[in-house]
Each structure stands twice: as structure tokens, then as C-alpha cells.
Amino acid sequence: AWVKAQAISRAFGYLDRPYDFDFDFASDQSLVCSEVV
């Protein structure tokens, strides 16, 4: 459960970042849907 809690907290931290139209997984400044997971 604590790992799921950590994942949920991380996801909250990504809110409001822009969508990554370059699909670049090397950076988290912008993200695609599967990159959030």
C-alpha cells in the first residue's frame, strides 16, 4: 500500500505539466499518458 501511496503522490506532483508531443521519456518536464504511469 505504501508504494501505491508513493505512486499517487508522484502523480499529483506531475499535475499541470504540459503534454509531451515529442514522446521523450528522458525528461519529465512534459509527459505522455503512459509516462505518468
All heavy atoms as atom14 arrays in JSON, in Angstrom:
{
  "sequence": "AWVKAQAISRAFGYLDRPYDFDFDFASDQSLVCSEVV",
  "atom14_mask": [
    [1, 1, 1, 1, 1, 0, 0, 0, 0, 0, 0, 0, 0, 0],
    [1, 1, 1, 1, 1, 1, 1, 1, 1, 1, 1, 1, 1, 1],
    [1, 1, 1, 1, 1, 1, 1, 0, 0, 0, 0, 0, 0, 0],
    [1, 1, 1, 1, 1, 1, 1, 1, 1, 0, 0, 0, 0, 0],
    [1, 1, 1, 1, 1, 0, 0, 0, 0, 0, 0, 0, 0, 0],
    [1, 1, 1, 1, 1, 1, 1, 1, 1, 0, 0, 0, 0, 0],
    [1, 1, 1, 1, 1, 0, 0, 0, 0, 0, 0, 0, 0, 0],
    [1, 1, 1, 1, 1, 1, 1, 1, 0, 0, 0, 0, 0, 0],
    [1, 1, 1, 1, 1, 1, 0, 0, 0, 0, 0, 0, 0, 0],
    [1, 1, 1, 1, 1, 1, 1, 1, 1, 1, 1, 0, 0, 0],
    [1, 1, 1, 1, 1, 0, 0, 0, 0, 0, 0, 0, 0, 0],
    [1, 1, 1, 1, 1, 1, 1, 1, 1, 1, 1, 0, 0, 0],
    [1, 1, 1, 1, 0, 0, 0, 0, 0, 0, 0, 0, 0, 0],
    [1, 1, 1, 1, 1, 1, 1, 1, 1, 1, 1, 1, 0, 0],
    [1, 1, 1, 1, 1, 1, 1, 1, 0, 0, 0, 0, 0, 0],
    [1, 1, 1, 1, 1, 1, 1, 1, 0, 0, 0, 0, 0, 0],
    [1, 1, 1, 1, 1, 1, 1, 1, 1, 1, 1, 0, 0, 0],
    [1, 1, 1, 1, 1, 1, 1, 0, 0, 0, 0, 0, 0, 0],
    [1, 1, 1, 1, 1, 1, 1, 1, 1, 1, 1, 1, 0, 0],
    [1, 1, 1, 1, 1, 1, 1, 1, 0, 0, 0, 0, 0, 0],
    [1, 1, 1, 1, 1, 1, 1, 1, 1, 1, 1, 0, 0, 0],
    [1, 1, 1, 1, 1, 1, 1, 1, 0, 0, 0, 0, 0, 0],
    [1, 1, 1, 1, 1, 1, 1, 1, 1, 1, 1, 0, 0, 0],
    [1, 1, 1, 1, 1, 1, 1, 1, 0, 0, 0, 0, 0, 0],
    [1, 1, 1, 1, 1, 1, 1, 1, 1, 1, 1, 0, 0, 0],
    [1, 1, 1, 1, 1, 0, 0, 0, 0, 0, 0, 0, 0, 0],
    [1, 1, 1, 1, 1, 1, 0, 0, 0, 0, 0, 0, 0, 0],
    [1, 1, 1, 1, 1, 1, 1, 1, 0, 0, 0, 0, 0, 0],
    [1, 1, 1, 1, 1, 1, 1, 1, 1, 0, 0, 0, 0, 0],
    [1, 1, 1, 1, 1, 1, 0, 0, 0, 0, 0, 0, 0, 0],
    [1, 1, 1, 1, 1, 1, 1, 1, 0, 0, 0, 0, 0, 0],
    [1, 1, 1, 1, 1, 1, 1, 0, 0, 0, 0, 0, 0, 0],
    [1, 1, 1, 1, 1, 1, 0, 0, 0, 0, 0, 0, 0, 0],
    [1, 1, 1, 1, 1, 1, 0, 0, 0, 0, 0, 0, 0, 0],
    [1, 1, 1, 1, 1, 1, 1, 1, 1, 0, 0, 0, 0, 0],
    [1, 1, 1, 1, 1, 1, 1, 0, 0, 0, 0, 0, 0, 0],
    [1, 1, 1, 1, 1, 1, 1, 0, 0, 0, 0, 0, 0, 0]
  ],
  "atom14_positions": [
    [[0.82, -1.22, 0.0], [0.0, 0.0, 0.0], [0.85, 1.26, 0.0], [0.49, 2.26, -0.65], [-0.94, -0.01, 1.21], [0.0, 0.0, 0.0], [0.0, 0.0, 0.0], [0.0, 0.0, 0.0], [0.0, 0.0, 0.0], [0.0, 0.0, 0.0], [0.0, 0.0, 0.0], [0.0, 0.0, 0.0], [0.0, 0.0, 0.0], [0.0, 0.0, 0.0]],
    [[1.98, 1.26, 0.7], [2.78, 2.48, 0.77], [3.4, 2.81, -0.57], [3.61, 3.99, -0.89], [3.85, 2.38, 1.87], [5.05, 1.54, 1.56], [5.23, 0.23, 1.88], [6.24, 1.96, 0.89], [6.47, -0.21, 1.45], [7.1, 0.83, 0.85], [6.66, 3.16, 0.32], [8.37, 0.88, 0.25], [7.93, 3.21, -0.27], [8.76, 2.08, -0.3]],
    [[3.69, 1.79, -1.39], [4.25, 2.04, -2.72], [3.18, 2.66, -3.62], [3.46, 3.56, -4.43], [4.82, 0.75, -3.34], [5.43, 1.03, -4.71], [5.86, 0.13, -2.42], [0.0, 0.0, 0.0], [0.0, 0.0, 0.0], [0.0, 0.0, 0.0], [0.0, 0.0, 0.0], [0.0, 0.0, 0.0], [0.0, 0.0, 0.0], [0.0, 0.0, 0.0]],
    [[1.94, 2.19, -3.47], [0.85, 2.79, -4.23], [0.62, 4.24, -3.77], [0.37, 5.12, -4.59], [-0.43, 1.97, -4.05], [-0.33, 0.57, -4.64], [-1.63, -0.2, -4.46], [-1.5, -1.62, -4.97], [-2.77, -2.38, -4.82], [0.0, 0.0, 0.0], [0.0, 0.0, 0.0], [0.0, 0.0, 0.0], [0.0, 0.0, 0.0], [0.0, 0.0, 0.0]],
    [[0.72, 4.47, -2.47], [0.59, 5.84, -1.95], [1.69, 6.73, -2.54], [1.43, 7.88, -2.92], [0.66, 5.84, -0.43], [0.0, 0.0, 0.0], [0.0, 0.0, 0.0], [0.0, 0.0, 0.0], [0.0, 0.0, 0.0], [0.0, 0.0, 0.0], [0.0, 0.0, 0.0], [0.0, 0.0, 0.0], [0.0, 0.0, 0.0], [0.0, 0.0, 0.0]],
    [[2.89, 6.21, -2.6], [4.01, 6.96, -3.19], [3.74, 7.27, -4.65], [3.98, 8.39, -5.12], [5.29, 6.15, -3.04], [6.5, 6.77, -3.71], [7.74, 5.9, -3.53], [8.61, 6.2, -2.73], [7.82, 4.81, -4.28], [0.0, 0.0, 0.0], [0.0, 0.0, 0.0], [0.0, 0.0, 0.0], [0.0, 0.0, 0.0], [0.0, 0.0, 0.0]],
    [[3.22, 6.29, -5.4], [2.92, 6.49, -6.81], [1.83, 7.55, -6.99], [1.92, 8.41, -7.88], [2.48, 5.18, -7.45], [0.0, 0.0, 0.0], [0.0, 0.0, 0.0], [0.0, 0.0, 0.0], [0.0, 0.0, 0.0], [0.0, 0.0, 0.0], [0.0, 0.0, 0.0], [0.0, 0.0, 0.0], [0.0, 0.0, 0.0], [0.0, 0.0, 0.0]],
    [[0.81, 7.52, -6.15], [-0.26, 8.52, -6.22], [0.3, 9.9, -5.94], [-0.02, 10.88, -6.63], [-1.38, 8.15, -5.24], [-2.11, 6.89, -5.71], [-2.35, 9.32, -5.06], [-3.02, 6.28, -4.68], [0.0, 0.0, 0.0], [0.0, 0.0, 0.0], [0.0, 0.0, 0.0], [0.0, 0.0, 0.0], [0.0, 0.0, 0.0], [0.0, 0.0, 0.0]],
    [[1.16, 10.01, -4.94], [1.77, 11.3, -4.63], [2.61, 11.81, -5.79], [2.56, 13.0, -6.15], [2.64, 11.17, -3.37], [3.33, 12.37, -3.11], [0.0, 0.0, 0.0], [0.0, 0.0, 0.0], [0.0, 0.0, 0.0], [0.0, 0.0, 0.0], [0.0, 0.0, 0.0], [0.0, 0.0, 0.0], [0.0, 0.0, 0.0], [0.0, 0.0, 0.0]],
    [[3.38, 10.94, -6.39], [4.18, 11.35, -7.56], [3.27, 11.86, -8.67], [3.57, 12.87, -9.32], [5.01, 10.18, -8.07], [6.18, 9.77, -7.19], [6.86, 8.56, -7.79], [7.98, 8.08, -7.0], [8.62, 6.94, -7.24], [8.23, 6.16, -8.25], [9.64, 6.57, -6.49], [0.0, 0.0, 0.0], [0.0, 0.0, 0.0], [0.0, 0.0, 0.0]],
    [[2.16, 11.15, -8.92], [1.25, 11.56, -9.99], [0.67, 12.94, -9.7], [0.55, 13.77, -10.61], [0.14, 10.53, -10.14], [0.0, 0.0, 0.0], [0.0, 0.0, 0.0], [0.0, 0.0, 0.0], [0.0, 0.0, 0.0], [0.0, 0.0, 0.0], [0.0, 0.0, 0.0], [0.0, 0.0, 0.0], [0.0, 0.0, 0.0], [0.0, 0.0, 0.0]],
    [[0.32, 13.21, -8.45], [-0.14, 14.55, -8.09], [0.93, 15.59, -8.41], [0.62, 16.71, -8.83], [-0.48, 14.6, -6.59], [-1.92, 14.31, -6.28], [-2.34, 13.01, -6.08], [-2.84, 15.33, -6.2], [-3.66, 12.72, -5.78], [-4.16, 15.06, -5.9], [-4.59, 13.75, -5.7], [0.0, 0.0, 0.0], [0.0, 0.0, 0.0], [0.0, 0.0, 0.0]],
    [[2.18, 15.22, -8.23], [3.27, 16.15, -8.49], [3.44, 16.48, -9.96], [4.06, 17.49, -10.3], [0.0, 0.0, 0.0], [0.0, 0.0, 0.0], [0.0, 0.0, 0.0], [0.0, 0.0, 0.0], [0.0, 0.0, 0.0], [0.0, 0.0, 0.0], [0.0, 0.0, 0.0], [0.0, 0.0, 0.0], [0.0, 0.0, 0.0], [0.0, 0.0, 0.0]],
    [[2.9, 15.64, -10.84], [3.01, 15.89, -12.28], [1.86, 16.73, -12.82], [1.89, 17.14, -14.0], [3.06, 14.57, -13.06], [4.29, 13.73, -12.75], [4.18, 12.37, -12.46], [5.55, 14.3, -12.75], [5.29, 11.61, -12.18], [6.67, 13.54, -12.47], [6.53, 12.19, -12.18], [7.64, 11.44, -11.9], [0.0, 0.0, 0.0], [0.0, 0.0, 0.0]],
    [[0.86, 17.0, -12.0], [-0.28, 17.78, -12.47], [0.15, 19.14, -13.01], [1.08, 19.76, -12.49], [-1.29, 17.97, -11.34], [-2.1, 16.73, -10.95], [-2.88, 16.99, -9.67], [-3.05, 16.33, -12.07], [0.0, 0.0, 0.0], [0.0, 0.0, 0.0], [0.0, 0.0, 0.0], [0.0, 0.0, 0.0], [0.0, 0.0, 0.0], [0.0, 0.0, 0.0]],
    [[-0.51, 19.56, -14.06], [-0.31, 20.85, -14.73], [0.92, 20.89, -15.63], [1.17, 21.93, -16.26], [-0.24, 22.0, -13.72], [-1.52, 22.15, -12.91], [-2.6, 21.91, -13.48], [-1.45, 22.5, -11.72], [0.0, 0.0, 0.0], [0.0, 0.0, 0.0], [0.0, 0.0, 0.0], [0.0, 0.0, 0.0], [0.0, 0.0, 0.0], [0.0, 0.0, 0.0]],
    [[1.68, 19.79, -15.7], [2.78, 19.8, -16.67], [2.21, 19.59, -18.07], [1.18, 18.94, -18.24], [3.81, 18.72, -16.34], [4.45, 18.93, -14.98], [5.68, 18.09, -14.77], [6.1, 18.17, -13.36], [7.19, 17.61, -12.88], [8.0, 16.93, -13.68], [7.5, 17.73, -11.6], [0.0, 0.0, 0.0], [0.0, 0.0, 0.0], [0.0, 0.0, 0.0]],
    [[2.88, 20.13, -19.09], [2.33, 20.02, -20.45], [2.46, 18.62, -21.03], [3.23, 17.79, -20.52], [3.19, 21.02, -21.24], [4.47, 21.1, -20.47], [4.11, 20.93, -19.03], [0.0, 0.0, 0.0], [0.0, 0.0, 0.0], [0.0, 0.0, 0.0], [0.0, 0.0, 0.0], [0.0, 0.0, 0.0], [0.0, 0.0, 0.0], [0.0, 0.0, 0.0]],
    [[1.68, 18.38, -22.06], [1.74, 17.1, -22.77], [3.01, 17.06, -23.62], [3.43, 18.07, -24.19], [0.52, 16.93, -23.67], [0.4, 15.56, -24.29], [-0.12, 14.5, -23.55], [0.81, 15.33, -25.6], [-0.24, 13.24, -24.12], [0.68, 14.07, -26.17], [0.17, 13.03, -25.42], [0.07, 11.78, -25.98], [0.0, 0.0, 0.0], [0.0, 0.0, 0.0]],
    [[3.62, 15.89, -23.69], [4.88, 15.74, -24.42], [4.6, 15.24, -25.83], [4.51, 14.03, -26.07], [5.79, 14.76, -23.68], [7.17, 14.66, -24.32], [7.42, 15.38, -25.32], [7.99, 13.86, -23.84], [0.0, 0.0, 0.0], [0.0, 0.0, 0.0], [0.0, 0.0, 0.0], [0.0, 0.0, 0.0], [0.0, 0.0, 0.0], [0.0, 0.0, 0.0]],
    [[4.48, 16.16, -26.76], [4.2, 15.77, -28.14], [5.41, 15.15, -28.82], [5.29, 14.59, -29.91], [3.7, 16.98, -28.93], [2.32, 17.44, -28.52], [2.17, 18.48, -27.61], [1.2, 16.81, -29.01], [0.9, 18.89, -27.22], [-0.08, 17.21, -28.62], [-0.23, 18.26, -27.72], [0.0, 0.0, 0.0], [0.0, 0.0, 0.0], [0.0, 0.0, 0.0]],
    [[6.59, 15.21, -28.17], [7.78, 14.55, -28.71], [7.95, 13.14, -28.17], [8.87, 12.42, -28.58], [9.04, 15.38, -28.37], [9.08, 16.69, -29.12], [8.58, 16.74, -30.26], [9.61, 17.68, -28.57], [0.0, 0.0, 0.0], [0.0, 0.0, 0.0], [0.0, 0.0, 0.0], [0.0, 0.0, 0.0], [0.0, 0.0, 0.0], [0.0, 0.0, 0.0]],
    [[7.12, 12.72, -27.22], [7.19, 11.38, -26.63], [8.6, 11.08, -26.12], [9.17, 10.02, -26.36], [6.75, 10.31, -27.65], [5.29, 10.38, -27.98], [4.8, 11.3, -28.91], [4.38, 9.54, -27.35], [3.45, 11.38, -29.2], [3.03, 9.61, -27.64], [2.56, 10.54, -28.56], [0.0, 0.0, 0.0], [0.0, 0.0, 0.0], [0.0, 0.0, 0.0]],
    [[9.15, 12.04, -25.39], [10.53, 11.93, -24.89], [10.5, 11.48, -23.43], [10.2, 12.26, -22.54], [11.23, 13.28, -25.03], [12.68, 13.23, -24.56], [13.18, 12.13, -24.27], [13.3, 14.3, -24.46], [0.0, 0.0, 0.0], [0.0, 0.0, 0.0], [0.0, 0.0, 0.0], [0.0, 0.0, 0.0], [0.0, 0.0, 0.0], [0.0, 0.0, 0.0]],
    [[10.84, 10.21, -23.18], [10.83, 9.66, -21.83], [12.1, 10.02, -21.06], [12.23, 9.65, -19.9], [10.67, 8.14, -21.88], [9.23, 7.69, -21.93], [8.38, 8.11, -22.96], [8.72, 6.85, -20.97], [7.07, 7.7, -23.01], [7.39, 6.43, -21.0], [6.57, 6.86, -22.03], [0.0, 0.0, 0.0], [0.0, 0.0, 0.0], [0.0, 0.0, 0.0]],
    [[13.03, 10.74, -21.68], [14.27, 11.11, -20.98], [14.06, 12.28, -20.03], [14.88, 12.52, -19.15], [15.36, 11.44, -22.0], [0.0, 0.0, 0.0], [0.0, 0.0, 0.0], [0.0, 0.0, 0.0], [0.0, 0.0, 0.0], [0.0, 0.0, 0.0], [0.0, 0.0, 0.0], [0.0, 0.0, 0.0], [0.0, 0.0, 0.0], [0.0, 0.0, 0.0]],
    [[12.96, 13.01, -20.19], [12.69, 14.18, -19.37], [11.27, 14.12, -18.82], [10.37, 13.57, -19.47], [12.87, 15.46, -20.2], [12.33, 16.58, -19.54], [0.0, 0.0, 0.0], [0.0, 0.0, 0.0], [0.0, 0.0, 0.0], [0.0, 0.0, 0.0], [0.0, 0.0, 0.0], [0.0, 0.0, 0.0], [0.0, 0.0, 0.0], [0.0, 0.0, 0.0]],
    [[11.06, 14.69, -17.62], [9.72, 14.72, -17.06], [9.13, 16.13, -17.07], [8.16, 16.41, -16.38], [9.7, 14.15, -15.65], [10.51, 14.99, -14.66], [11.11, 16.0, -15.08], [10.55, 14.62, -13.47], [0.0, 0.0, 0.0], [0.0, 0.0, 0.0], [0.0, 0.0, 0.0], [0.0, 0.0, 0.0], [0.0, 0.0, 0.0], [0.0, 0.0, 0.0]],
    [[9.72, 17.04, -17.84], [9.19, 18.39, -17.93], [7.85, 18.42, -18.65], [7.03, 19.31, -18.43], [10.19, 19.31, -18.64], [11.51, 19.45, -17.9], [11.3, 19.88, -16.46], [10.73, 20.93, -16.19], [11.77, 19.07, -15.51], [0.0, 0.0, 0.0], [0.0, 0.0, 0.0], [0.0, 0.0, 0.0], [0.0, 0.0, 0.0], [0.0, 0.0, 0.0]],
    [[7.64, 17.47, -19.55], [6.35, 17.26, -20.19], [6.18, 15.74, -20.3], [7.16, 15.01, -20.38], [6.29, 17.93, -21.57], [7.35, 17.49, -22.4], [0.0, 0.0, 0.0], [0.0, 0.0, 0.0], [0.0, 0.0, 0.0], [0.0, 0.0, 0.0], [0.0, 0.0, 0.0], [0.0, 0.0, 0.0], [0.0, 0.0, 0.0], [0.0, 0.0, 0.0]],
    [[4.92, 15.29, -20.29], [4.68, 13.85, -20.2], [3.54, 13.41, -21.12], [2.6, 14.15, -21.36], [4.32, 13.45, -18.76], [5.34, 13.73, -17.67], [4.99, 15.03, -16.95], [5.4, 12.59, -16.66], [0.0, 0.0, 0.0], [0.0, 0.0, 0.0], [0.0, 0.0, 0.0], [0.0, 0.0, 0.0], [0.0, 0.0, 0.0], [0.0, 0.0, 0.0]],
    [[3.66, 12.15, -21.59], [2.56, 11.5, -22.29], [1.82, 10.62, -21.28], [2.27, 10.43, -20.15], [3.05, 10.66, -23.49], [3.68, 11.55, -24.53], [4.02, 9.58, -23.05], [0.0, 0.0, 0.0], [0.0, 0.0, 0.0], [0.0, 0.0, 0.0], [0.0, 0.0, 0.0], [0.0, 0.0, 0.0], [0.0, 0.0, 0.0], [0.0, 0.0, 0.0]],
    [[0.71, 10.06, -21.72], [-0.17, 9.36, -20.77], [0.53, 8.2, -20.07], [0.49, 8.08, -18.84], [-1.43, 8.89, -21.48], [-1.19, 7.64, -22.77], [0.0, 0.0, 0.0], [0.0, 0.0, 0.0], [0.0, 0.0, 0.0], [0.0, 0.0, 0.0], [0.0, 0.0, 0.0], [0.0, 0.0, 0.0], [0.0, 0.0, 0.0], [0.0, 0.0, 0.0]],
    [[1.17, 7.32, -20.82], [1.82, 6.16, -20.21], [3.03, 6.56, -19.38], [3.42, 5.83, -18.45], [2.22, 5.15, -21.28], [3.06, 5.76, -22.25], [0.0, 0.0, 0.0], [0.0, 0.0, 0.0], [0.0, 0.0, 0.0], [0.0, 0.0, 0.0], [0.0, 0.0, 0.0], [0.0, 0.0, 0.0], [0.0, 0.0, 0.0], [0.0, 0.0, 0.0]],
    [[3.61, 7.72, -19.68], [4.76, 8.18, -18.91], [4.35, 8.56, -17.49], [5.14, 8.4, -16.54], [5.43, 9.36, -19.61], [6.77, 9.75, -19.01], [7.44, 10.87, -19.77], [6.84, 11.39, -20.74], [8.57, 11.23, -19.39], [0.0, 0.0, 0.0], [0.0, 0.0, 0.0], [0.0, 0.0, 0.0], [0.0, 0.0, 0.0], [0.0, 0.0, 0.0]],
    [[3.13, 9.06, -17.31], [2.65, 9.36, -15.97], [2.63, 8.09, -15.13], [3.08, 8.06, -13.98], [1.25, 10.01, -16.02], [0.68, 10.16, -14.63], [1.3, 11.36, -16.71], [0.0, 0.0, 0.0], [0.0, 0.0, 0.0], [0.0, 0.0, 0.0], [0.0, 0.0, 0.0], [0.0, 0.0, 0.0], [0.0, 0.0, 0.0], [0.0, 0.0, 0.0]],
    [[2.12, 6.99, -15.71], [2.1, 5.7, -15.01], [3.51, 5.2, -14.78], [3.87, 4.77, -13.68], [1.28, 4.68, -15.82], [1.37, 3.29, -15.18], [-0.17, 5.12, -15.94], [0.0, 0.0, 0.0], [0.0, 0.0, 0.0], [0.0, 0.0, 0.0], [0.0, 0.0, 0.0], [0.0, 0.0, 0.0], [0.0, 0.0, 0.0], [0.0, 0.0, 0.0]]
  ]
}
